[in-house]
Every structure is written in structure tokens, then in C-alpha cells.
C-alpha atoms as a PDB file:
ATOM      1  CA  MET A   1      -0.254   0.014  -0.011  1.00  0.00           C
ATOM      2  CA  GLU A   2       1.633   3.150  -1.323  1.00  0.00           C
ATOM      3  CA  GLY A   3       1.374   6.333   1.835  1.00  0.00           C
ATOM      4  CA  MET A   4       0.491   9.683   1.509  1.00  0.00           C
ATOM      5  CA  LEU A   5       3.870  11.270   2.258  1.00  0.00           C
ATOM      6  CA  GLU A   6       5.111   8.771  -0.501  1.00  0.00           C
ATOM      7  CA  ARG A   7       2.311   9.760  -3.266  1.00  0.00           C
ATOM      8  CA  GLU A   8       3.362  13.575  -2.298  1.00  0.00           C
ATOM      9  CA  TRP A   9       6.971  12.825  -3.229  1.00  0.00           C
ATOM     10  CA  GLN A  10       5.931  11.390  -6.575  1.00  0.00           C
ATOM     11  CA  THR A  11       4.183  14.278  -7.659  1.00  0.00           C
ATOM     12  CA  PHE A  12       6.848  16.794  -6.547  1.00  0.00           C
ATOM     13  CA  LYS A  13       9.095  14.577  -8.147  1.00  0.00           C
ATOM     14  CA  ALA A  14       7.572  14.830 -11.227  1.00  0.00           C
ATOM     15  CA  ALA A  15       7.256  18.623 -10.900  1.00  0.00           C
ATOM     16  CA  CYS A  16      10.316  19.339 -10.421  1.00  0.00           C
ATOM     17  CA  PHE A  17      13.489  16.992 -11.504  1.00  0.00           C
ATOM     18  CA  PRO A  18      14.137  15.508 -14.693  1.00  0.00           C
ATOM     19  CA  PRO A  19      12.780  11.432 -15.523  1.00  0.00           C
ATOM     20  CA  ASN A  20      16.799  10.669 -15.900  1.00  0.00           C
ATOM     21  CA  LEU A  21      17.615  10.806 -12.262  1.00  0.00           C
ATOM     22  CA  SER A  22      20.636   8.578 -11.211  1.00  0.00           C
ATOM     23  CA  LYS A  23      19.493   6.077  -8.342  1.00  0.00           C
ATOM     24  CA  GLN A  24      21.995   8.170  -5.974  1.00  0.00           C
ATOM     25  CA  GLN A  25      20.124  11.121  -6.748  1.00  0.00           C
ATOM     26  CA  ASN A  26      16.450   9.425  -6.325  1.00  0.00           C
ATOM     27  CA  ILE A  27      17.773   8.353  -2.638  1.00  0.00           C
ATOM     28  CA  ASP A  28      19.315  11.805  -1.790  1.00  0.00           C
ATOM     29  CA  LEU A  29      16.358  13.480  -3.039  1.00  0.00           C
ATOM     30  CA  LYS A  30      13.746  11.393  -1.522  1.00  0.00           C
ATOM     31  CA  ARG A  31      15.718  11.366   1.705  1.00  0.00           C
ATOM     32  CA  THR A  32      15.456  15.268   1.951  1.00  0.00           C
ATOM     33  CA  PHE A  33      11.636  15.124   1.224  1.00  0.00           C
ATOM     34  CA  PHE A  34      10.671  12.809   4.136  1.00  0.00           C
ATOM     35  CA  GLY A  35      13.453  14.591   6.144  1.00  0.00           C
ATOM     36  CA  GLY A  36      11.333  18.122   5.446  1.00  0.00           C
ATOM     37  CA  ALA A  37       7.882  15.774   5.971  1.00  0.00           C
ATOM     38  CA  ALA A  38       9.281  14.641   9.692  1.00  0.00           C
ATOM     39  CA  GLY A  39      10.863  18.209  10.754  1.00  0.00           C
ATOM     40  CA  LEU A  40       7.671  19.802   9.976  1.00  0.00           C
ATOM     41  CA  ILE A  41       5.602  17.550  12.071  1.00  0.00           C
ATOM     42  CA  ASN A  42       8.177  17.760  15.146  1.00  0.00           C
ATOM     43  CA  ALA A  43       7.653  21.419  14.224  1.00  0.00           C
ATOM     44  CA  LEU A  44       3.350  21.097  14.547  1.00  0.00           C
ATOM     45  CA  THR A  45       4.028  18.982  17.573  1.00  0.00           C
ATOM     46  CA  LYS A  46       6.642  21.822  19.503  1.00  0.00           C
ATOM     47  CA  VAL A  47       3.495  23.938  19.093  1.00  0.00           C
ATOM     48  CA  PRO A  48       1.355  24.722  22.470  1.00  0.00           C
ATOM     49  CA  ILE A  49      -2.332  24.025  21.074  1.00  0.00           C
ATOM     50  CA  GLU A  50      -3.452  26.948  23.228  1.00  0.00           C
ATOM     51  CA  SER A  51      -0.597  29.006  21.751  1.00  0.00           C
ATOM     52  CA  MET A  52      -1.992  29.771  18.152  1.00  0.00           C
ATOM     53  CA  ASP A  53      -5.375  28.898  16.050  1.00  0.00           C
ATOM     54  CA  THR A  54      -4.510  25.807  14.187  1.00  0.00           C
ATOM     55  CA  SER A  55      -5.810  27.861  10.646  1.00  0.00           C
ATOM     56  CA  ASP A  56      -2.761  30.673  11.971  1.00  0.00           C
ATOM     57  CA  LEU A  57      -0.069  27.941  12.616  1.00  0.00           C
ATOM     58  CA  LEU A  58      -0.664  26.551   9.074  1.00  0.00           C
ATOM     59  CA  SER A  59      -1.114  30.618   7.618  1.00  0.00           C
ATOM     60  CA  LEU A  60       2.834  31.385   9.047  1.00  0.00           C
ATOM     61  CA  LEU A  61       3.783  27.932   7.953  1.00  0.00           C
ATOM     62  CA  GLN A  62       2.602  28.661   4.259  1.00  0.00           C
ATOM     63  CA  THR A  63       3.966  31.780   4.717  1.00  0.00           C
ATOM     64  CA  GLU A  64       7.138  30.814   5.510  1.00  0.00           C
ATOM     65  CA  LEU A  65       6.905  28.149   1.976  1.00  0.00           C
ATOM     66  CA  LEU A  66       5.786  30.678  -0.034  1.00  0.00           C
ATOM     67  CA  MET A  67       8.782  33.161   1.276  1.00  0.00           C
ATOM     68  CA  PHE A  68      11.293  30.362   0.043  1.00  0.00           C
ATOM     69  CA  ASN A  69       9.351  29.495  -3.364  1.00  0.00           C
ATOM     70  CA  GLU A  70      10.391  33.067  -3.984  1.00  0.00           C
ATOM     71  CA  ASP A  71      14.252  32.764  -2.853  1.00  0.00           C
ATOM     72  CA  VAL A  72      14.480  29.452  -4.974  1.00  0.00           C
ATOM     73  CA  LYS A  73      12.891  31.695  -8.208  1.00  0.00           C
ATOM     74  CA  ALA A  74      15.606  34.365  -7.562  1.00  0.00           C
ATOM     75  CA  GLY A  75      18.009  32.044  -6.798  1.00  0.00           C
ATOM     76  CA  ARG A  76      18.509  32.802  -3.117  1.00  0.00           C
ATOM     77  CA  ALA A  77      18.367  29.436  -1.935  1.00  0.00           C
END
């Protein structure tokens, strides 16, 4: 059974990388992708429930991701 993160990884890989990645590139990128997912879950579990509304927290994280995306497009990241 294919998991949710695996499906997201496959979608991300197809959208961002050429289909002819080497085996080692695929391994390294997948580890990085899953590491990012683990980091996000860790960050979410460290926020006290009463300190922030869930939608505010998700909005804050989305803003940070969008800023990173702009940095990538501009060659800063």
C-alpha cells in the first residue's frame, strides 16, 4: 500500500526533477523530502495547542514556504 507521503513525493519529483535521475540522486532527494516532512511534523507537535489557532499556524507555515519559493525563483536559495 502506497502512503500519503510517498504519493506526495512522487508528485513533487515528477514536477521538479527530470525523469532520468540517477539512483543515488533519487535516494538523496527522497531522503531530503521525507526529512522535511518529519521536520514539519516535529515543528507542529512542539507548538502548544493554546498558543495559536490551527489555521493561524498553517498560515504562518504557508507564508514561510512561499517566501522560500520566492527565494528559490530569485536564485537566493
